Each structure stands twice: as structure tokens, then as C-alpha cells.
mmCIF file of all heavy atoms, coordinates in Angstrom:
data_MODEL
# 
_entry.id   MODEL 
# 
loop_
_atom_site.group_PDB 
_atom_site.id 
_atom_site.type_symbol 
_atom_site.label_atom_id 
_atom_site.label_alt_id 
_atom_site.label_comp_id 
_atom_site.label_asym_id 
_atom_site.label_entity_id 
_atom_site.label_seq_id 
_atom_site.pdbx_PDB_ins_code 
_atom_site.Cartn_x 
_atom_site.Cartn_y 
_atom_site.Cartn_z 
_atom_site.occupancy 
_atom_site.B_iso_or_equiv 
_atom_site.pdbx_formal_charge 
_atom_site.auth_seq_id 
_atom_site.auth_comp_id 
_atom_site.auth_asym_id 
_atom_site.auth_atom_id 
_atom_site.pdbx_PDB_model_num 
ATOM 1   N N   . PRO A 1 1  ? 112.080 171.718 136.993 1.00 0.00 ? 1  PRO A N   1 
ATOM 2   C CA  . PRO A 1 1  ? 110.670 171.427 137.192 1.00 0.00 ? 1  PRO A CA  1 
ATOM 3   C C   . PRO A 1 1  ? 110.090 170.572 136.058 1.00 0.00 ? 1  PRO A C   1 
ATOM 4   O O   . PRO A 1 1  ? 110.450 170.724 134.924 1.00 0.00 ? 1  PRO A O   1 
ATOM 5   C CB  . PRO A 1 1  ? 109.970 172.813 137.163 1.00 0.00 ? 1  PRO A CB  1 
ATOM 6   C CG  . PRO A 1 1  ? 111.077 173.761 137.570 1.00 0.00 ? 1  PRO A CG  1 
ATOM 7   C CD  . PRO A 1 1  ? 112.278 173.184 136.999 1.00 0.00 ? 1  PRO A CD  1 
ATOM 8   N N   . GLY A 1 2  ? 109.286 169.583 136.432 1.00 0.00 ? 2  GLY A N   1 
ATOM 9   C CA  . GLY A 1 2  ? 108.834 168.681 135.415 1.00 0.00 ? 2  GLY A CA  1 
ATOM 10  C C   . GLY A 1 2  ? 109.646 167.427 135.088 1.00 0.00 ? 2  GLY A C   1 
ATOM 11  O O   . GLY A 1 2  ? 109.167 166.576 134.418 1.00 0.00 ? 2  GLY A O   1 
ATOM 12  N N   . ASP A 1 3  ? 110.873 167.394 135.598 1.00 0.00 ? 3  ASP A N   1 
ATOM 13  C CA  . ASP A 1 3  ? 111.775 166.246 135.417 1.00 0.00 ? 3  ASP A CA  1 
ATOM 14  C C   . ASP A 1 3  ? 111.165 164.999 136.043 1.00 0.00 ? 3  ASP A C   1 
ATOM 15  O O   . ASP A 1 3  ? 110.890 165.022 137.353 1.00 0.00 ? 3  ASP A O   1 
ATOM 16  C CB  . ASP A 1 3  ? 113.088 166.461 135.973 1.00 0.00 ? 3  ASP A CB  1 
ATOM 17  C CG  . ASP A 1 3  ? 114.112 165.382 135.742 1.00 0.00 ? 3  ASP A CG  1 
ATOM 18  O OD1 . ASP A 1 3  ? 113.735 164.205 135.360 1.00 0.00 ? 3  ASP A OD1 1 
ATOM 19  O OD2 . ASP A 1 3  ? 115.336 165.620 135.897 1.00 0.00 ? 3  ASP A OD2 1 
ATOM 20  N N   . LEU A 1 4  ? 110.773 163.948 135.309 1.00 0.00 ? 4  LEU A N   1 
ATOM 21  C CA  . LEU A 1 4  ? 110.190 162.796 135.874 1.00 0.00 ? 4  LEU A CA  1 
ATOM 22  C C   . LEU A 1 4  ? 111.033 162.040 136.904 1.00 0.00 ? 4  LEU A C   1 
ATOM 23  O O   . LEU A 1 4  ? 110.484 161.306 137.672 1.00 0.00 ? 4  LEU A O   1 
ATOM 24  C CB  . LEU A 1 4  ? 109.833 161.835 134.753 1.00 0.00 ? 4  LEU A CB  1 
ATOM 25  C CG  . LEU A 1 4  ? 108.768 162.339 133.711 1.00 0.00 ? 4  LEU A CG  1 
ATOM 26  C CD1 . LEU A 1 4  ? 108.531 161.322 132.599 1.00 0.00 ? 4  LEU A CD1 1 
ATOM 27  C CD2 . LEU A 1 4  ? 107.434 162.555 134.401 1.00 0.00 ? 4  LEU A CD2 1 
ATOM 28  N N   . SER A 1 5  ? 112.285 162.215 136.820 1.00 0.00 ? 5  SER A N   1 
ATOM 29  C CA  . SER A 1 5  ? 113.145 161.556 137.786 1.00 0.00 ? 5  SER A CA  1 
ATOM 30  C C   . SER A 1 5  ? 113.168 162.166 139.176 1.00 0.00 ? 5  SER A C   1 
ATOM 31  O O   . SER A 1 5  ? 113.845 161.745 140.076 1.00 0.00 ? 5  SER A O   1 
ATOM 32  C CB  . SER A 1 5  ? 114.623 161.468 137.231 1.00 0.00 ? 5  SER A CB  1 
ATOM 33  O OG  . SER A 1 5  ? 115.175 162.720 137.249 1.00 0.00 ? 5  SER A OG  1 
ATOM 34  N N   . ASN A 1 6  ? 112.350 163.250 139.273 1.00 0.00 ? 6  ASN A N   1 
ATOM 35  C CA  . ASN A 1 6  ? 112.225 163.897 140.627 1.00 0.00 ? 6  ASN A CA  1 
ATOM 36  C C   . ASN A 1 6  ? 111.219 163.230 141.509 1.00 0.00 ? 6  ASN A C   1 
ATOM 37  O O   . ASN A 1 6  ? 111.055 163.504 142.679 1.00 0.00 ? 6  ASN A O   1 
ATOM 38  C CB  . ASN A 1 6  ? 111.778 165.352 140.449 1.00 0.00 ? 6  ASN A CB  1 
ATOM 39  C CG  . ASN A 1 6  ? 112.789 166.161 139.818 1.00 0.00 ? 6  ASN A CG  1 
ATOM 40  O OD1 . ASN A 1 6  ? 114.043 165.881 139.830 1.00 0.00 ? 6  ASN A OD1 1 
ATOM 41  N ND2 . ASN A 1 6  ? 112.411 167.327 139.157 1.00 0.00 ? 6  ASN A ND2 1 
ATOM 42  N N   . HIS A 1 7  ? 110.394 162.295 140.882 1.00 0.00 ? 7  HIS A N   1 
ATOM 43  C CA  . HIS A 1 7  ? 109.312 161.659 141.726 1.00 0.00 ? 7  HIS A CA  1 
ATOM 44  C C   . HIS A 1 7  ? 109.744 160.339 142.441 1.00 0.00 ? 7  HIS A C   1 
ATOM 45  O O   . HIS A 1 7  ? 110.075 159.332 141.715 1.00 0.00 ? 7  HIS A O   1 
ATOM 46  C CB  . HIS A 1 7  ? 108.167 161.367 140.726 1.00 0.00 ? 7  HIS A CB  1 
ATOM 47  C CG  . HIS A 1 7  ? 107.506 162.605 140.235 1.00 0.00 ? 7  HIS A CG  1 
ATOM 48  N ND1 . HIS A 1 7  ? 106.706 163.415 140.999 1.00 0.00 ? 7  HIS A ND1 1 
ATOM 49  C CD2 . HIS A 1 7  ? 107.711 163.245 139.032 1.00 0.00 ? 7  HIS A CD2 1 
ATOM 50  C CE1 . HIS A 1 7  ? 106.265 164.444 140.142 1.00 0.00 ? 7  HIS A CE1 1 
ATOM 51  N NE2 . HIS A 1 7  ? 106.860 164.352 139.021 1.00 0.00 ? 7  HIS A NE2 1 
ATOM 52  N N   . HIS A 1 8  ? 109.681 160.360 143.747 1.00 0.00 ? 8  HIS A N   1 
ATOM 53  C CA  . HIS A 1 8  ? 110.036 159.128 144.435 1.00 0.00 ? 8  HIS A CA  1 
ATOM 54  C C   . HIS A 1 8  ? 108.727 158.260 144.542 1.00 0.00 ? 8  HIS A C   1 
ATOM 55  O O   . HIS A 1 8  ? 108.903 157.048 144.479 1.00 0.00 ? 8  HIS A O   1 
ATOM 56  C CB  . HIS A 1 8  ? 110.533 159.528 145.853 1.00 0.00 ? 8  HIS A CB  1 
ATOM 57  C CG  . HIS A 1 8  ? 110.820 158.319 146.753 1.00 0.00 ? 8  HIS A CG  1 
ATOM 58  N ND1 . HIS A 1 8  ? 111.922 157.461 146.516 1.00 0.00 ? 8  HIS A ND1 1 
ATOM 59  C CD2 . HIS A 1 8  ? 110.123 157.690 147.806 1.00 0.00 ? 8  HIS A CD2 1 
ATOM 60  C CE1 . HIS A 1 8  ? 111.863 156.517 147.395 1.00 0.00 ? 8  HIS A CE1 1 
ATOM 61  N NE2 . HIS A 1 8  ? 110.886 156.680 148.201 1.00 0.00 ? 8  HIS A NE2 1 
ATOM 62  N N   . LYS A 1 9  ? 107.600 158.849 144.719 1.00 0.00 ? 9  LYS A N   1 
ATOM 63  C CA  . LYS A 1 9  ? 106.354 158.033 144.908 1.00 0.00 ? 9  LYS A CA  1 
ATOM 64  C C   . LYS A 1 9  ? 105.963 157.495 143.566 1.00 0.00 ? 9  LYS A C   1 
ATOM 65  O O   . LYS A 1 9  ? 105.874 158.208 142.558 1.00 0.00 ? 9  LYS A O   1 
ATOM 66  C CB  . LYS A 1 9  ? 105.275 158.890 145.408 1.00 0.00 ? 9  LYS A CB  1 
ATOM 67  C CG  . LYS A 1 9  ? 105.567 159.299 146.899 1.00 0.00 ? 9  LYS A CG  1 
ATOM 68  C CD  . LYS A 1 9  ? 104.382 160.068 147.446 1.00 0.00 ? 9  LYS A CD  1 
ATOM 69  C CE  . LYS A 1 9  ? 104.668 160.561 148.945 1.00 0.00 ? 9  LYS A CE  1 
ATOM 70  N NZ  . LYS A 1 9  ? 103.531 161.307 149.491 1.00 0.00 ? 9  LYS A NZ  1 
ATOM 71  N N   . ILE A 1 10 ? 105.674 156.200 143.445 1.00 0.00 ? 10 ILE A N   1 
ATOM 72  C CA  . ILE A 1 10 ? 105.416 155.555 142.104 1.00 0.00 ? 10 ILE A CA  1 
ATOM 73  C C   . ILE A 1 10 ? 104.071 156.060 141.668 1.00 0.00 ? 10 ILE A C   1 
ATOM 74  O O   . ILE A 1 10 ? 103.891 156.149 140.385 1.00 0.00 ? 10 ILE A O   1 
ATOM 75  C CB  . ILE A 1 10 ? 105.374 154.049 142.338 1.00 0.00 ? 10 ILE A CB  1 
ATOM 76  C CG1 . ILE A 1 10 ? 106.678 153.464 142.957 1.00 0.00 ? 10 ILE A CG1 1 
ATOM 77  C CG2 . ILE A 1 10 ? 105.054 153.364 141.017 1.00 0.00 ? 10 ILE A CG2 1 
ATOM 78  C CD1 . ILE A 1 10 ? 107.896 153.818 142.065 1.00 0.00 ? 10 ILE A CD1 1 
ATOM 79  N N   . GLU A 1 11 ? 103.166 156.396 142.548 1.00 0.00 ? 11 GLU A N   1 
ATOM 80  C CA  . GLU A 1 11 ? 101.823 156.899 142.090 1.00 0.00 ? 11 GLU A CA  1 
ATOM 81  C C   . GLU A 1 11 ? 101.995 158.207 141.351 1.00 0.00 ? 11 GLU A C   1 
ATOM 82  O O   . GLU A 1 11 ? 101.298 158.404 140.294 1.00 0.00 ? 11 GLU A O   1 
ATOM 83  C CB  . GLU A 1 11 ? 100.882 157.026 143.277 1.00 0.00 ? 11 GLU A CB  1 
ATOM 84  C CG  . GLU A 1 11 ? 99.528  157.471 142.867 1.00 0.00 ? 11 GLU A CG  1 
ATOM 85  C CD  . GLU A 1 11 ? 98.533  157.533 144.053 1.00 0.00 ? 11 GLU A CD  1 
ATOM 86  O OE1 . GLU A 1 11 ? 98.944  157.011 145.160 1.00 0.00 ? 11 GLU A OE1 1 
ATOM 87  O OE2 . GLU A 1 11 ? 97.369  158.057 143.930 1.00 0.00 ? 11 GLU A OE2 1 
ATOM 88  N N   . GLU A 1 12 ? 102.762 159.041 141.867 1.00 0.00 ? 12 GLU A N   1 
ATOM 89  C CA  . GLU A 1 12 ? 103.059 160.370 141.271 1.00 0.00 ? 12 GLU A CA  1 
ATOM 90  C C   . GLU A 1 12 ? 103.684 160.253 139.943 1.00 0.00 ? 12 GLU A C   1 
ATOM 91  O O   . GLU A 1 12 ? 103.336 160.888 138.904 1.00 0.00 ? 12 GLU A O   1 
ATOM 92  C CB  . GLU A 1 12 ? 103.931 161.276 142.195 1.00 0.00 ? 12 GLU A CB  1 
ATOM 93  C CG  . GLU A 1 12 ? 103.204 161.730 143.452 1.00 0.00 ? 12 GLU A CG  1 
ATOM 94  C CD  . GLU A 1 12 ? 104.083 162.555 144.330 1.00 0.00 ? 12 GLU A CD  1 
ATOM 95  O OE1 . GLU A 1 12 ? 105.191 162.728 144.018 1.00 0.00 ? 12 GLU A OE1 1 
ATOM 96  O OE2 . GLU A 1 12 ? 103.588 163.070 145.389 1.00 0.00 ? 12 GLU A OE2 1 
ATOM 97  N N   . PHE A 1 13 ? 104.768 159.320 139.830 1.00 0.00 ? 13 PHE A N   1 
ATOM 98  C CA  . PHE A 1 13 ? 105.464 159.118 138.622 1.00 0.00 ? 13 PHE A CA  1 
ATOM 99  C C   . PHE A 1 13 ? 104.499 158.545 137.523 1.00 0.00 ? 13 PHE A C   1 
ATOM 100 O O   . PHE A 1 13 ? 104.484 158.926 136.478 1.00 0.00 ? 13 PHE A O   1 
ATOM 101 C CB  . PHE A 1 13 ? 106.642 158.109 138.888 1.00 0.00 ? 13 PHE A CB  1 
ATOM 102 C CG  . PHE A 1 13 ? 107.303 157.668 137.604 1.00 0.00 ? 13 PHE A CG  1 
ATOM 103 C CD1 . PHE A 1 13 ? 108.194 158.461 137.003 1.00 0.00 ? 13 PHE A CD1 1 
ATOM 104 C CD2 . PHE A 1 13 ? 106.956 156.384 137.128 1.00 0.00 ? 13 PHE A CD2 1 
ATOM 105 C CE1 . PHE A 1 13 ? 108.872 157.979 135.846 1.00 0.00 ? 13 PHE A CE1 1 
ATOM 106 C CE2 . PHE A 1 13 ? 107.683 155.937 135.955 1.00 0.00 ? 13 PHE A CE2 1 
ATOM 107 C CZ  . PHE A 1 13 ? 108.515 156.753 135.279 1.00 0.00 ? 13 PHE A CZ  1 
ATOM 108 N N   . SER A 1 14 ? 103.612 157.655 137.995 1.00 0.00 ? 14 SER A N   1 
ATOM 109 C CA  . SER A 1 14 ? 102.705 156.955 137.064 1.00 0.00 ? 14 SER A CA  1 
ATOM 110 C C   . SER A 1 14 ? 101.708 158.062 136.517 1.00 0.00 ? 14 SER A C   1 
ATOM 111 O O   . SER A 1 14 ? 101.303 157.962 135.290 1.00 0.00 ? 14 SER A O   1 
ATOM 112 C CB  . SER A 1 14 ? 101.947 155.838 137.749 1.00 0.00 ? 14 SER A CB  1 
ATOM 113 O OG  . SER A 1 14 ? 102.896 154.864 138.145 1.00 0.00 ? 14 SER A OG  1 
ATOM 114 N N   . THR A 1 15 ? 101.269 158.940 137.330 1.00 0.00 ? 15 THR A N   1 
ATOM 115 C CA  . THR A 1 15 ? 100.303 159.986 136.920 1.00 0.00 ? 15 THR A CA  1 
ATOM 116 C C   . THR A 1 15 ? 101.041 160.871 135.879 1.00 0.00 ? 15 THR A C   1 
ATOM 117 O O   . THR A 1 15 ? 100.432 161.204 134.762 1.00 0.00 ? 15 THR A O   1 
ATOM 118 C CB  . THR A 1 15 ? 99.954  160.861 138.102 1.00 0.00 ? 15 THR A CB  1 
ATOM 119 O OG1 . THR A 1 15 ? 99.196  160.007 139.074 1.00 0.00 ? 15 THR A OG1 1 
ATOM 120 C CG2 . THR A 1 15 ? 98.967  162.016 137.615 1.00 0.00 ? 15 THR A CG2 1 
ATOM 121 N N   . GLU A 1 16 ? 102.281 161.200 136.024 1.00 0.00 ? 16 GLU A N   1 
ATOM 122 C CA  . GLU A 1 16 ? 102.882 161.968 134.974 1.00 0.00 ? 16 GLU A CA  1 
ATOM 123 C C   . GLU A 1 16 ? 103.161 161.119 133.761 1.00 0.00 ? 16 GLU A C   1 
ATOM 124 O O   . GLU A 1 16 ? 103.028 161.641 132.583 1.00 0.00 ? 16 GLU A O   1 
ATOM 125 C CB  . GLU A 1 16 ? 104.362 162.304 135.469 1.00 0.00 ? 16 GLU A CB  1 
ATOM 126 C CG  . GLU A 1 16 ? 104.342 163.282 136.763 1.00 0.00 ? 16 GLU A CG  1 
ATOM 127 C CD  . GLU A 1 16 ? 103.634 164.542 136.554 1.00 0.00 ? 16 GLU A CD  1 
ATOM 128 O OE1 . GLU A 1 16 ? 103.866 165.232 135.418 1.00 0.00 ? 16 GLU A OE1 1 
ATOM 129 O OE2 . GLU A 1 16 ? 102.892 164.977 137.364 1.00 0.00 ? 16 GLU A OE2 1 
ATOM 130 N N   . MET A 1 17 ? 103.474 159.901 133.865 1.00 0.00 ? 17 MET A N   1 
ATOM 131 C CA  . MET A 1 17 ? 103.572 158.986 132.700 1.00 0.00 ? 17 MET A CA  1 
ATOM 132 C C   . MET A 1 17 ? 102.264 158.790 131.870 1.00 0.00 ? 17 MET A C   1 
ATOM 133 O O   . MET A 1 17 ? 102.214 158.603 130.718 1.00 0.00 ? 17 MET A O   1 
ATOM 134 C CB  . MET A 1 17 ? 104.075 157.614 133.074 1.00 0.00 ? 17 MET A CB  1 
ATOM 135 C CG  . MET A 1 17 ? 105.598 157.571 133.408 1.00 0.00 ? 17 MET A CG  1 
ATOM 136 S SD  . MET A 1 17 ? 106.651 158.123 131.992 1.00 0.00 ? 17 MET A SD  1 
ATOM 137 C CE  . MET A 1 17 ? 106.217 156.961 130.734 1.00 0.00 ? 17 MET A CE  1 
ATOM 138 N N   . ALA A 1 18 ? 101.079 158.991 132.625 1.00 0.00 ? 18 ALA A N   1 
ATOM 139 C CA  . ALA A 1 18 ? 99.801  158.995 131.895 1.00 0.00 ? 18 ALA A CA  1 
ATOM 140 C C   . ALA A 1 18 ? 99.698  160.144 130.918 1.00 0.00 ? 18 ALA A C   1 
ATOM 141 O O   . ALA A 1 18 ? 99.253  159.975 129.773 1.00 0.00 ? 18 ALA A O   1 
ATOM 142 C CB  . ALA A 1 18 ? 98.672  159.046 132.892 1.00 0.00 ? 18 ALA A CB  1 
ATOM 143 N N   . GLN A 1 19 ? 100.254 161.340 131.286 1.00 0.00 ? 19 GLN A N   1 
ATOM 144 C CA  . GLN A 1 19 ? 100.249 162.449 130.382 1.00 0.00 ? 19 GLN A CA  1 
ATOM 145 C C   . GLN A 1 19 ? 101.210 162.136 129.227 1.00 0.00 ? 19 GLN A C   1 
ATOM 146 O O   . GLN A 1 19 ? 100.830 162.541 128.095 1.00 0.00 ? 19 GLN A O   1 
ATOM 147 C CB  . GLN A 1 19 ? 100.719 163.722 131.199 1.00 0.00 ? 19 GLN A CB  1 
ATOM 148 C CG  . GLN A 1 19 ? 99.799  164.102 132.272 1.00 0.00 ? 19 GLN A CG  1 
ATOM 149 C CD  . GLN A 1 19 ? 100.215 165.399 132.905 1.00 0.00 ? 19 GLN A CD  1 
ATOM 150 O OE1 . GLN A 1 19 ? 100.531 166.365 132.206 1.00 0.00 ? 19 GLN A OE1 1 
ATOM 151 N NE2 . GLN A 1 19 ? 100.289 165.407 134.228 1.00 0.00 ? 19 GLN A NE2 1 
ATOM 152 N N   . VAL A 1 20 ? 102.335 161.605 129.493 1.00 0.00 ? 20 VAL A N   1 
ATOM 153 C CA  . VAL A 1 20 ? 103.311 161.185 128.455 1.00 0.00 ? 20 VAL A CA  1 
ATOM 154 C C   . VAL A 1 20 ? 102.551 160.314 127.388 1.00 0.00 ? 20 VAL A C   1 
ATOM 155 O O   . VAL A 1 20 ? 102.664 160.449 126.173 1.00 0.00 ? 20 VAL A O   1 
ATOM 156 C CB  . VAL A 1 20 ? 104.568 160.434 129.020 1.00 0.00 ? 20 VAL A CB  1 
ATOM 157 C CG1 . VAL A 1 20 ? 105.446 160.002 127.801 1.00 0.00 ? 20 VAL A CG1 1 
ATOM 158 C CG2 . VAL A 1 20 ? 105.308 161.441 129.902 1.00 0.00 ? 20 VAL A CG2 1 
ATOM 159 N N   . ALA A 1 21 ? 101.833 159.303 128.001 1.00 0.00 ? 21 ALA A N   1 
ATOM 160 C CA  . ALA A 1 21 ? 101.088 158.336 127.050 1.00 0.00 ? 21 ALA A CA  1 
ATOM 161 C C   . ALA A 1 21 ? 100.003 158.929 126.218 1.00 0.00 ? 21 ALA A C   1 
ATOM 162 O O   . ALA A 1 21 ? 100.057 158.665 124.973 1.00 0.00 ? 21 ALA A O   1 
ATOM 163 C CB  . ALA A 1 21 ? 100.431 157.256 127.936 1.00 0.00 ? 21 ALA A CB  1 
ATOM 164 N N   . HIS A 1 22 ? 99.335  159.906 126.722 1.00 0.00 ? 22 HIS A N   1 
ATOM 165 C CA  . HIS A 1 22 ? 98.334  160.628 126.020 1.00 0.00 ? 22 HIS A CA  1 
ATOM 166 C C   . HIS A 1 22 ? 99.004  161.452 124.835 1.00 0.00 ? 22 HIS A C   1 
ATOM 167 O O   . HIS A 1 22 ? 98.417  161.584 123.685 1.00 0.00 ? 22 HIS A O   1 
ATOM 168 C CB  . HIS A 1 22 ? 97.463  161.479 126.876 1.00 0.00 ? 22 HIS A CB  1 
ATOM 169 C CG  . HIS A 1 22 ? 96.380  160.720 127.635 1.00 0.00 ? 22 HIS A CG  1 
ATOM 170 N ND1 . HIS A 1 22 ? 95.182  160.301 127.005 1.00 0.00 ? 22 HIS A ND1 1 
ATOM 171 C CD2 . HIS A 1 22 ? 96.339  160.215 128.897 1.00 0.00 ? 22 HIS A CD2 1 
ATOM 172 C CE1 . HIS A 1 22 ? 94.522  159.601 127.842 1.00 0.00 ? 22 HIS A CE1 1 
ATOM 173 N NE2 . HIS A 1 22 ? 95.128  159.654 129.055 1.00 0.00 ? 22 HIS A NE2 1 
ATOM 174 N N   . SER A 1 23 ? 100.149 162.106 125.153 1.00 0.00 ? 23 SER A N   1 
ATOM 175 C CA  . SER A 1 23 ? 100.826 162.878 124.269 1.00 0.00 ? 23 SER A CA  1 
ATOM 176 C C   . SER A 1 23 ? 101.388 162.054 123.030 1.00 0.00 ? 23 SER A C   1 
ATOM 177 O O   . SER A 1 23 ? 101.266 162.405 121.928 1.00 0.00 ? 23 SER A O   1 
ATOM 178 C CB  . SER A 1 23 ? 102.009 163.688 124.860 1.00 0.00 ? 23 SER A CB  1 
ATOM 179 O OG  . SER A 1 23 ? 101.440 164.662 125.680 1.00 0.00 ? 23 SER A OG  1 
ATOM 180 N N   . ALA A 1 24 ? 101.928 160.890 123.427 1.00 0.00 ? 24 ALA A N   1 
ATOM 181 C CA  . ALA A 1 24 ? 102.427 159.993 122.372 1.00 0.00 ? 24 ALA A CA  1 
ATOM 182 C C   . ALA A 1 24 ? 101.276 159.454 121.502 1.00 0.00 ? 24 ALA A C   1 
ATOM 183 O O   . ALA A 1 24 ? 101.497 159.413 120.341 1.00 0.00 ? 24 ALA A O   1 
ATOM 184 C CB  . ALA A 1 24 ? 103.154 158.828 123.076 1.00 0.00 ? 24 ALA A CB  1 
ATOM 185 N N   . TYR A 1 25 ? 100.229 159.257 122.105 1.00 0.00 ? 25 TYR A N   1 
ATOM 186 C CA  . TYR A 1 25 ? 99.009  158.739 121.319 1.00 0.00 ? 25 TYR A CA  1 
ATOM 187 C C   . TYR A 1 25 ? 98.550  159.778 120.342 1.00 0.00 ? 25 TYR A C   1 
ATOM 188 O O   . TYR A 1 25 ? 98.243  159.514 119.229 1.00 0.00 ? 25 TYR A O   1 
ATOM 189 C CB  . TYR A 1 25 ? 97.888  158.372 122.272 1.00 0.00 ? 25 TYR A CB  1 
ATOM 190 C CG  . TYR A 1 25 ? 96.794  157.625 121.636 1.00 0.00 ? 25 TYR A CG  1 
ATOM 191 C CD1 . TYR A 1 25 ? 96.729  156.215 121.554 1.00 0.00 ? 25 TYR A CD1 1 
ATOM 192 C CD2 . TYR A 1 25 ? 95.658  158.271 121.109 1.00 0.00 ? 25 TYR A CD2 1 
ATOM 193 C CE1 . TYR A 1 25 ? 95.691  155.582 120.964 1.00 0.00 ? 25 TYR A CE1 1 
ATOM 194 C CE2 . TYR A 1 25 ? 94.639  157.638 120.468 1.00 0.00 ? 25 TYR A CE2 1 
ATOM 195 C CZ  . TYR A 1 25 ? 94.656  156.265 120.418 1.00 0.00 ? 25 TYR A CZ  1 
ATOM 196 O OH  . TYR A 1 25 ? 93.569  155.615 119.883 1.00 0.00 ? 25 TYR A OH  1 
ATOM 197 N N   . ARG A 1 26 ? 98.559  161.076 120.761 1.00 0.00 ? 26 ARG A N   1 
ATOM 198 C CA  . ARG A 1 26 ? 98.135  162.160 120.001 1.00 0.00 ? 26 ARG A CA  1 
ATOM 199 C C   . ARG A 1 26 ? 99.005  162.314 118.722 1.00 0.00 ? 26 ARG A C   1 
ATOM 200 O O   . ARG A 1 26 ? 98.452  162.381 117.566 1.00 0.00 ? 26 ARG A O   1 
ATOM 201 C CB  . ARG A 1 26 ? 98.122  163.472 120.687 1.00 0.00 ? 26 ARG A CB  1 
ATOM 202 C CG  . ARG A 1 26 ? 97.728  164.700 119.924 1.00 0.00 ? 26 ARG A CG  1 
ATOM 203 C CD  . ARG A 1 26 ? 97.842  165.928 120.669 1.00 0.00 ? 26 ARG A CD  1 
ATOM 204 N NE  . ARG A 1 26 ? 99.227  166.328 121.097 1.00 0.00 ? 26 ARG A NE  1 
ATOM 205 C CZ  . ARG A 1 26 ? 100.066 166.870 120.240 1.00 0.00 ? 26 ARG A CZ  1 
ATOM 206 N NH1 . ARG A 1 26 ? 99.787  167.204 119.018 1.00 0.00 ? 26 ARG A NH1 1 
ATOM 207 N NH2 . ARG A 1 26 ? 101.304 167.221 120.686 1.00 0.00 ? 26 ARG A NH2 1 
ATOM 208 N N   . VAL A 1 27 ? 100.300 162.218 118.918 1.00 0.00 ? 27 VAL A N   1 
ATOM 209 C CA  . VAL A 1 27 ? 101.174 162.502 117.714 1.00 0.00 ? 27 VAL A CA  1 
ATOM 210 C C   . VAL A 1 27 ? 101.364 161.323 116.801 1.00 0.00 ? 27 VAL A C   1 
ATOM 211 O O   . VAL A 1 27 ? 101.864 161.470 115.651 1.00 0.00 ? 27 VAL A O   1 
ATOM 212 C CB  . VAL A 1 27 ? 102.531 163.085 118.155 1.00 0.00 ? 27 VAL A CB  1 
ATOM 213 C CG1 . VAL A 1 27 ? 102.284 164.331 119.105 1.00 0.00 ? 27 VAL A CG1 1 
ATOM 214 C CG2 . VAL A 1 27 ? 103.385 162.058 118.984 1.00 0.00 ? 27 VAL A CG2 1 
# 
């Protein structure tokens, strides 16, 4: 669960990457 490579839909993948971006920005 949570593996980004599980997402076929680009919109879903991009939504998950938005969370990655916010976390990277924070640290």
C-alpha cells in the first residue's frame, strides 16, 4: 500500500507526487 508505481492513472499518480513535493519542501 502506498507504492507510487501502483497508479496507472496519471492524475492519481500526480496527486500522490504533490504530497511528496510538500514533504520535500518541508524538510
